[in-house]
Amino acid sequence: MFKHFKESIFITIFGFITAFFWAEHIMPGSGPKMLFVTFFLSVLEITLSFDNAVVNALILEKMTPKWQHRFLTWGILVAVFGMRFLFPVLIVSLFSKLSLIKTIHLAIEDVNQYTHYLHIAHAPLVAFGGAFLMMVGLEYFFKENKNLWLKKLEDFLINLKLKHLDILITMLCILAVQFFMPEPERLDIALAGVIGIFTYVCVRQVCALLEKSQTEKTAGTVKNAATGGFMMFLYLELIDASFSLDGVLGSFAISKDIIIITIGLAIGAMFVRSLTLLLVEKKTLQTYVYLSSGAHYAILTLAIIMFISTVYEIPEVITGTLGLIFVGSAFISSLIENKKDKHEYHLE
């Protein structure tokens, strides 16, 4: 197990040292306090993203060992510097109409103004993330699934043969949000939600096509596998990006220092990726068969919360707790099912 988490432990140590010296540089004597804030942000990220690890593992199982390794190396760079630092800066730059360099300076030197612009961008951001995650969750429950957890409900969903029902439901959620938003914000939120749906459909379709091409033993197999691996890698990063939106936005309620936020969330993101690889190697999803369903219920819950948060602020602790309840309940149900199967095997 240690081999999966050694990089995470190294990042944690490096992150804590960096956070301490950065805090002391900004305000002498604040190092210990910022270490606690960094730790809290790390735990928050792990709690919010545990269901993300399960979903990632489902996709990662289909990837080659090379692309699994790239998910941990390249992927963490995208997750840390892309989603936890650069993405919020780009959003603020867009809404404030400032250059990227000026926005970075604003994030470091004038955090109140920076968070003001980020707050303005909050509704469109979570509308995009909510739409994308809603599509991820619905697509799972509308397809054939051998391991039904909440059997009556999931069997009912599978038997709904309406084409593009997942898109219709997500569009209805976006429409519902419109009734509670001020008129000037409605177009931005609707557009962000539609882009979320479009992004999911495009990436998922390309992934499905390239996934098929990987199984073909032709002269172009290596090239196809590489391309398919890249598209699934991109899909994973988009899922991670959608999951991270609430954590990134909510973290500003804990700290206004973007460097401390980035370090804390980076440590958490690294542990989530290590956990994902552990789930894949130990074939946990095959052993605990209901974990996938539990994780996707958690995804749907998060998507609904993100839509609601365009209007009402919902504490991250609620989001994390609900996710853990779904995943934890699915894990316990899997244990019970496994014991039942073993008992029936011995009786035979």
Protein backbone atom coordinates (compact mmCIF):
# COMPACT_ATOMS: atom_id res chain seq x y z
CA MET A 1 0.00 0.00 0.00
CA PHE A 2 2.88 2.37 0.80
CA LYS A 3 4.04 2.37 -2.83
CA HIS A 4 0.76 3.97 -3.89
CA PHE A 5 0.99 6.75 -1.31
CA LYS A 6 4.71 7.53 -1.20
CA GLU A 7 4.36 10.37 -3.74
CA SER A 8 1.40 11.73 -1.76
CA ILE A 9 3.42 11.65 1.46
CA PHE A 10 6.30 13.46 -0.25
CA ILE A 11 3.91 16.12 -1.62
CA THR A 12 2.38 16.51 1.85
CA ILE A 13 5.75 17.10 3.52
CA PHE A 14 6.88 19.47 0.76
CA GLY A 15 3.51 21.26 0.83
CA PHE A 16 3.54 21.78 4.60
CA ILE A 17 7.10 23.14 4.51
CA THR A 18 6.20 25.50 1.65
CA ALA A 19 2.98 26.63 3.38
CA PHE A 20 4.86 27.35 6.62
CA PHE A 21 7.58 29.46 5.01
CA TRP A 22 5.09 31.25 2.74
CA ALA A 23 2.93 32.16 5.75
CA GLU A 24 5.96 33.36 7.71
CA HIS A 25 7.02 35.44 4.71
CA ILE A 26 3.59 37.11 4.43
CA MET A 27 2.97 37.49 8.18
CA PRO A 28 5.67 36.45 10.68
CA GLY A 29 4.30 34.13 13.35
CA SER A 30 1.37 32.85 11.26
CA GLY A 31 3.14 29.64 10.15
CA PRO A 32 1.54 27.21 12.67
CA LYS A 33 -1.94 28.61 11.99
CA MET A 34 -1.52 28.25 8.22
CA LEU A 35 -0.28 24.68 8.67
CA PHE A 36 -3.58 23.85 10.34
CA VAL A 37 -5.51 25.61 7.56
CA THR A 38 -3.53 23.66 4.95
CA PHE A 39 -4.29 20.40 6.75
CA PHE A 40 -8.00 21.28 6.99
CA LEU A 41 -8.16 22.09 3.27
CA SER A 42 -6.48 18.76 2.46
CA VAL A 43 -9.02 16.83 4.53
CA LEU A 44 -11.86 18.80 2.92
CA GLU A 45 -10.61 17.92 -0.57
CA ILE A 46 -10.28 14.21 0.28
CA THR A 47 -13.73 14.11 1.88
CA LEU A 48 -15.39 15.84 -1.08
CA SER A 49 -13.57 13.69 -3.64
CA PHE A 50 -13.75 10.15 -2.24
CA ASP A 51 -16.60 9.31 -4.63
CA ASN A 52 -14.49 10.87 -7.38
CA ALA A 53 -11.80 8.25 -6.68
CA VAL A 54 -14.31 5.43 -7.18
CA VAL A 55 -15.55 6.88 -10.49
CA ASN A 56 -11.97 7.51 -11.64
CA ALA A 57 -11.08 3.90 -10.86
CA LEU A 58 -13.91 2.68 -13.12
CA ILE A 59 -12.38 4.55 -16.05
CA LEU A 60 -8.77 3.94 -15.11
CA GLU A 61 -9.30 0.16 -15.23
CA LYS A 62 -9.76 0.50 -19.01
CA MET A 63 -6.48 2.38 -19.49
CA THR A 64 -3.02 0.96 -20.08
CA PRO A 65 -0.45 1.01 -17.21
CA LYS A 66 1.36 3.82 -19.04
CA TRP A 67 -1.70 6.05 -19.04
CA GLN A 68 -2.50 5.08 -15.46
CA HIS A 69 0.94 6.36 -14.50
CA ARG A 70 0.40 9.52 -16.54
CA PHE A 71 -2.85 10.10 -14.67
CA LEU A 72 -0.83 10.25 -11.44
CA THR A 73 2.01 12.39 -12.88
CA TRP A 74 0.67 14.62 -15.66
CA GLY A 75 -2.80 14.50 -14.15
CA ILE A 76 -1.72 15.87 -10.79
CA LEU A 77 -0.04 18.82 -12.53
CA VAL A 78 -3.29 19.57 -14.35
CA ALA A 79 -5.29 19.11 -11.14
CA VAL A 80 -3.02 21.26 -8.97
CA PHE A 81 -1.79 24.05 -11.21
CA GLY A 82 -4.64 23.86 -13.68
CA MET A 83 -7.83 23.50 -11.62
CA ARG A 84 -6.70 24.63 -8.15
CA PHE A 85 -4.69 27.70 -9.23
CA LEU A 86 -4.80 28.65 -12.90
CA PHE A 87 -8.50 27.96 -13.58
CA PRO A 88 -9.87 30.31 -10.86
CA VAL A 89 -7.34 32.94 -11.96
CA LEU A 90 -8.50 32.64 -15.58
CA ILE A 91 -12.15 32.95 -14.53
CA VAL A 92 -11.42 36.07 -12.48
CA SER A 93 -9.37 37.47 -15.38
CA LEU A 94 -12.33 36.95 -17.70
CA PHE A 95 -14.90 38.58 -15.42
CA SER A 96 -12.64 41.42 -14.23
CA LYS A 97 -11.30 42.05 -17.77
CA LEU A 98 -7.77 42.19 -16.36
CA SER A 99 -4.70 40.53 -17.86
CA LEU A 100 -3.63 37.14 -16.49
CA ILE A 101 -0.49 38.63 -14.89
CA LYS A 102 -2.49 41.40 -13.19
CA THR A 103 -5.03 38.85 -11.96
CA ILE A 104 -2.31 36.68 -10.42
CA HIS A 105 -0.93 39.79 -8.72
CA LEU A 106 -4.48 40.57 -7.53
CA ALA A 107 -4.89 37.05 -6.11
CA ILE A 108 -1.71 37.40 -4.07
CA GLU A 109 -1.84 41.07 -3.07
CA ASP A 110 -5.57 41.95 -2.95
CA VAL A 111 -7.47 38.80 -2.02
CA ASN A 112 -10.71 40.63 -1.16
CA GLN A 113 -11.04 42.05 -4.68
CA TYR A 114 -10.01 38.70 -6.14
CA THR A 115 -12.68 36.79 -4.20
CA HIS A 116 -15.25 39.44 -5.19
CA TYR A 117 -14.71 38.65 -8.88
CA LEU A 118 -14.66 34.92 -8.15
CA HIS A 119 -18.00 35.25 -6.37
CA ILE A 120 -19.46 36.92 -9.47
CA ALA A 121 -18.38 33.89 -11.52
CA HIS A 122 -19.73 31.39 -8.99
CA ALA A 123 -23.15 30.69 -10.54
CA PRO A 124 -21.99 29.97 -14.13
CA LEU A 125 -19.11 27.82 -12.83
CA VAL A 126 -21.29 25.55 -10.70
CA ALA A 127 -23.94 25.41 -13.45
CA PHE A 128 -21.28 24.00 -15.81
CA GLY A 129 -20.01 21.55 -13.19
CA GLY A 130 -23.52 20.53 -12.12
CA ALA A 131 -24.59 19.82 -15.72
CA PHE A 132 -21.45 17.81 -16.46
CA LEU A 133 -21.73 15.70 -13.29
CA MET A 134 -25.48 15.23 -13.75
CA MET A 135 -24.72 13.68 -17.16
CA VAL A 136 -22.04 11.43 -15.63
CA GLY A 137 -24.43 10.13 -12.98
CA LEU A 138 -27.50 9.69 -15.18
CA GLU A 139 -25.57 7.95 -17.95
CA TYR A 140 -24.44 5.32 -15.44
CA PHE A 141 -27.95 4.53 -14.21
CA PHE A 142 -29.57 4.51 -17.66
CA LYS A 143 -27.26 1.81 -19.00
CA GLU A 144 -27.32 -1.92 -18.30
CA ASN A 145 -25.74 -2.69 -14.94
CA LYS A 146 -25.25 -6.21 -13.59
CA ASN A 147 -24.80 -5.14 -9.97
CA LEU A 148 -27.94 -3.29 -8.94
CA TRP A 149 -27.69 -1.80 -5.45
CA LEU A 150 -31.10 -0.15 -4.91
CA LYS A 151 -32.64 -2.73 -7.20
CA LYS A 152 -36.18 -1.42 -7.71
CA LEU A 153 -35.09 2.14 -8.41
CA GLU A 154 -32.14 1.22 -10.63
CA ASP A 155 -34.12 -1.40 -12.52
CA PHE A 156 -36.79 1.24 -13.17
CA LEU A 157 -34.18 3.68 -14.50
CA ILE A 158 -32.61 1.06 -16.78
CA ASN A 159 -36.01 0.19 -18.25
CA LEU A 160 -36.64 3.82 -19.22
CA LYS A 161 -35.82 3.49 -22.89
CA LEU A 162 -36.37 7.13 -23.83
CA LYS A 163 -33.52 8.37 -25.99
CA HIS A 164 -31.40 11.23 -24.59
CA LEU A 165 -33.35 11.20 -21.32
CA ASP A 166 -30.19 12.18 -19.45
CA ILE A 167 -29.89 15.35 -21.57
CA LEU A 168 -33.58 16.14 -21.08
CA ILE A 169 -33.39 15.82 -17.28
CA THR A 170 -30.24 17.94 -17.10
CA MET A 171 -31.82 20.62 -19.31
CA LEU A 172 -34.87 20.65 -17.02
CA CYS A 173 -32.56 21.21 -14.03
CA ILE A 174 -30.92 24.14 -15.82
CA LEU A 175 -34.35 25.52 -16.68
CA ALA A 176 -35.53 25.17 -13.07
CA VAL A 177 -32.56 27.22 -11.85
CA GLN A 178 -33.61 30.08 -14.14
CA PHE A 179 -36.74 30.79 -12.11
CA PHE A 180 -34.69 31.67 -9.04
CA MET A 181 -31.98 33.78 -10.67
CA PRO A 182 -31.95 37.52 -11.43
CA GLU A 183 -32.67 38.20 -15.09
CA PRO A 184 -29.14 39.46 -15.99
CA GLU A 185 -27.57 36.18 -14.78
CA ARG A 186 -29.94 33.76 -16.46
CA LEU A 187 -28.29 33.68 -19.88
CA ASP A 188 -24.79 33.07 -18.44
CA ILE A 189 -26.06 30.20 -16.28
CA ALA A 190 -28.07 28.62 -19.11
CA LEU A 191 -25.12 28.89 -21.48
CA ALA A 192 -22.72 27.42 -18.92
CA GLY A 193 -25.08 24.48 -18.29
CA VAL A 194 -25.52 23.76 -22.01
CA ILE A 195 -21.74 23.89 -22.49
CA GLY A 196 -21.44 21.37 -19.63
CA ILE A 197 -23.82 18.99 -21.41
CA PHE A 198 -22.15 19.51 -24.79
CA THR A 199 -18.69 18.94 -23.33
CA TYR A 200 -19.77 15.68 -21.70
CA VAL A 201 -21.49 14.34 -24.84
CA CYS A 202 -18.54 15.18 -27.11
CA VAL A 203 -15.83 13.76 -24.86
CA ARG A 204 -17.85 10.65 -23.95
CA GLN A 205 -18.63 9.85 -27.57
CA VAL A 206 -15.02 10.23 -28.66
CA CYS A 207 -13.90 8.09 -25.70
CA ALA A 208 -16.39 5.36 -26.65
CA LEU A 209 -15.20 5.32 -30.26
CA LEU A 210 -11.52 5.24 -29.35
CA GLU A 211 -12.13 2.63 -26.67
CA LYS A 212 -13.43 0.31 -29.38
CA SER A 213 -10.45 1.03 -31.58
CA GLN A 214 -8.07 -0.11 -28.84
CA THR A 215 -9.42 -3.65 -29.09
CA GLU A 216 -8.72 -3.91 -32.82
CA LYS A 217 -5.51 -5.78 -33.57
CA THR A 218 -4.53 -3.84 -36.63
CA ALA A 219 -1.37 -2.10 -37.70
CA GLY A 220 -2.69 1.10 -36.19
CA THR A 221 -3.44 -0.39 -32.77
CA VAL A 222 -0.59 1.39 -30.97
CA LYS A 223 -1.59 4.75 -32.37
CA ASN A 224 -5.26 4.13 -31.58
CA ALA A 225 -4.46 3.01 -28.03
CA ALA A 226 -2.41 6.12 -27.45
CA THR A 227 -5.16 8.36 -28.78
CA GLY A 228 -7.84 6.50 -26.81
CA GLY A 229 -5.71 6.72 -23.68
CA PHE A 230 -5.37 10.46 -24.14
CA MET A 231 -9.12 10.96 -24.58
CA MET A 232 -9.93 8.92 -21.46
CA PHE A 233 -7.24 10.90 -19.65
CA LEU A 234 -8.98 14.09 -20.80
CA TYR A 235 -12.34 12.69 -19.66
CA LEU A 236 -10.89 11.93 -16.22
CA GLU A 237 -9.52 15.45 -15.94
CA LEU A 238 -12.90 16.95 -16.86
CA ILE A 239 -14.61 14.85 -14.19
CA ASP A 240 -11.97 15.93 -11.68
CA ALA A 241 -12.45 19.55 -12.72
CA SER A 242 -16.20 19.33 -12.17
CA PHE A 243 -15.73 17.66 -8.79
CA SER A 244 -13.18 20.25 -7.71
CA LEU A 245 -15.35 23.31 -8.43
CA ASP A 246 -17.21 23.25 -5.12
CA GLY A 247 -13.99 22.61 -3.19
CA VAL A 248 -12.10 25.41 -4.94
CA LEU A 249 -14.91 27.92 -4.47
CA GLY A 250 -15.68 26.82 -0.92
CA SER A 251 -12.04 26.96 0.14
CA PHE A 252 -12.13 30.77 0.02
CA ALA A 253 -14.45 30.64 3.03
CA ILE A 254 -11.60 28.98 4.94
CA SER A 255 -8.65 31.02 3.66
CA LYS A 256 -8.18 34.01 1.36
CA ASP A 257 -4.59 33.10 0.49
CA ILE A 258 -4.56 31.45 -2.94
CA ILE A 259 -1.13 29.89 -2.33
CA ILE A 260 -2.28 28.19 0.87
CA ILE A 261 -5.50 27.10 -0.85
CA THR A 262 -3.57 25.62 -3.77
CA ILE A 263 -1.19 23.73 -1.47
CA GLY A 264 -3.98 22.34 0.70
CA LEU A 265 -6.15 21.22 -2.20
CA ALA A 266 -3.10 19.82 -4.00
CA ILE A 267 -2.26 17.55 -1.08
CA GLY A 268 -5.84 16.30 -0.99
CA ALA A 269 -5.95 15.80 -4.77
CA MET A 270 -2.73 13.78 -4.65
CA PHE A 271 -4.12 11.42 -2.01
CA VAL A 272 -7.32 10.97 -4.03
CA ARG A 273 -5.26 9.96 -7.07
CA SER A 274 -3.20 7.53 -5.01
CA LEU A 275 -6.41 6.03 -3.63
CA THR A 276 -7.72 5.68 -7.19
CA LEU A 277 -4.69 3.64 -8.27
CA LEU A 278 -5.00 1.48 -5.14
CA LEU A 279 -8.64 0.75 -5.98
CA VAL A 280 -7.62 -0.28 -9.49
CA GLU A 281 -4.69 -2.52 -8.47
CA LYS A 282 -6.58 -4.25 -5.66
CA LYS A 283 -9.63 -4.68 -7.95
CA THR A 284 -11.74 -3.21 -5.17
CA LEU A 285 -14.65 -2.38 -7.46
CA GLN A 286 -14.93 -6.06 -8.44
CA THR A 287 -14.82 -7.13 -4.78
CA TYR A 288 -17.22 -4.50 -3.44
CA VAL A 289 -19.73 -4.51 -6.26
CA TYR A 290 -22.04 -1.74 -5.05
CA LEU A 291 -19.34 0.92 -4.65
CA SER A 292 -19.83 2.13 -8.21
CA SER A 293 -23.56 2.70 -7.67
CA GLY A 294 -22.92 4.46 -4.36
CA ALA A 295 -20.38 6.76 -5.97
CA HIS A 296 -22.76 7.68 -8.79
CA TYR A 297 -25.58 8.42 -6.34
CA ALA A 298 -23.09 10.74 -4.62
CA ILE A 299 -22.32 12.34 -8.00
CA LEU A 300 -26.00 13.00 -8.68
CA THR A 301 -26.35 14.47 -5.19
CA LEU A 302 -23.35 16.74 -5.80
CA ALA A 303 -24.78 17.82 -9.17
CA ILE A 304 -28.10 18.75 -7.54
CA ILE A 305 -26.28 20.63 -4.76
CA MET A 306 -24.25 22.54 -7.34
CA PHE A 307 -27.44 23.60 -9.13
CA ILE A 308 -28.98 24.66 -5.82
CA SER A 309 -25.81 26.56 -4.88
CA THR A 310 -26.38 28.94 -7.79
CA VAL A 311 -29.13 30.36 -5.56
CA TYR A 312 -28.39 29.24 -1.98
CA GLU A 313 -24.98 28.66 -0.42
CA ILE A 314 -24.62 25.10 0.90
CA PRO A 315 -21.73 24.31 3.31
CA GLU A 316 -19.10 21.92 1.95
CA VAL A 317 -19.46 19.75 5.05
CA ILE A 318 -22.98 18.82 3.91
CA THR A 319 -21.74 17.89 0.44
CA GLY A 320 -18.90 15.79 1.82
CA THR A 321 -21.09 14.08 4.42
CA LEU A 322 -23.76 13.09 1.88
CA GLY A 323 -21.09 11.69 -0.44
CA LEU A 324 -19.56 9.63 2.37
CA ILE A 325 -23.00 8.34 3.38
CA PHE A 326 -23.71 7.02 -0.13
CA VAL A 327 -20.26 5.50 -0.64
CA GLY A 328 -20.12 4.12 2.92
CA SER A 329 -23.59 2.57 2.65
CA ALA A 330 -22.68 0.97 -0.68
CA PHE A 331 -19.49 -0.43 0.86
CA ILE A 332 -21.41 -1.96 3.79
CA SER A 333 -24.00 -3.41 1.40
CA SER A 334 -21.15 -4.94 -0.62
CA LEU A 335 -19.72 -6.56 2.52
CA ILE A 336 -23.12 -8.03 3.38
CA GLU A 337 -23.55 -9.32 -0.18
CA ASN A 338 -20.09 -10.91 -0.15
CA LYS A 339 -20.80 -12.70 3.15
CA LYS A 340 -24.13 -13.91 1.75
CA ASP A 341 -22.42 -15.29 -1.36
CA LYS A 342 -19.77 -17.07 0.73
CA HIS A 343 -22.47 -18.60 2.93
CA GLU A 344 -24.43 -19.86 -0.09
CA TYR A 345 -21.20 -21.27 -1.59
CA HIS A 346 -20.44 -23.25 1.59
CA LEU A 347 -24.01 -24.58 1.71
CA GLU A 348 -23.59 -25.94 -1.81
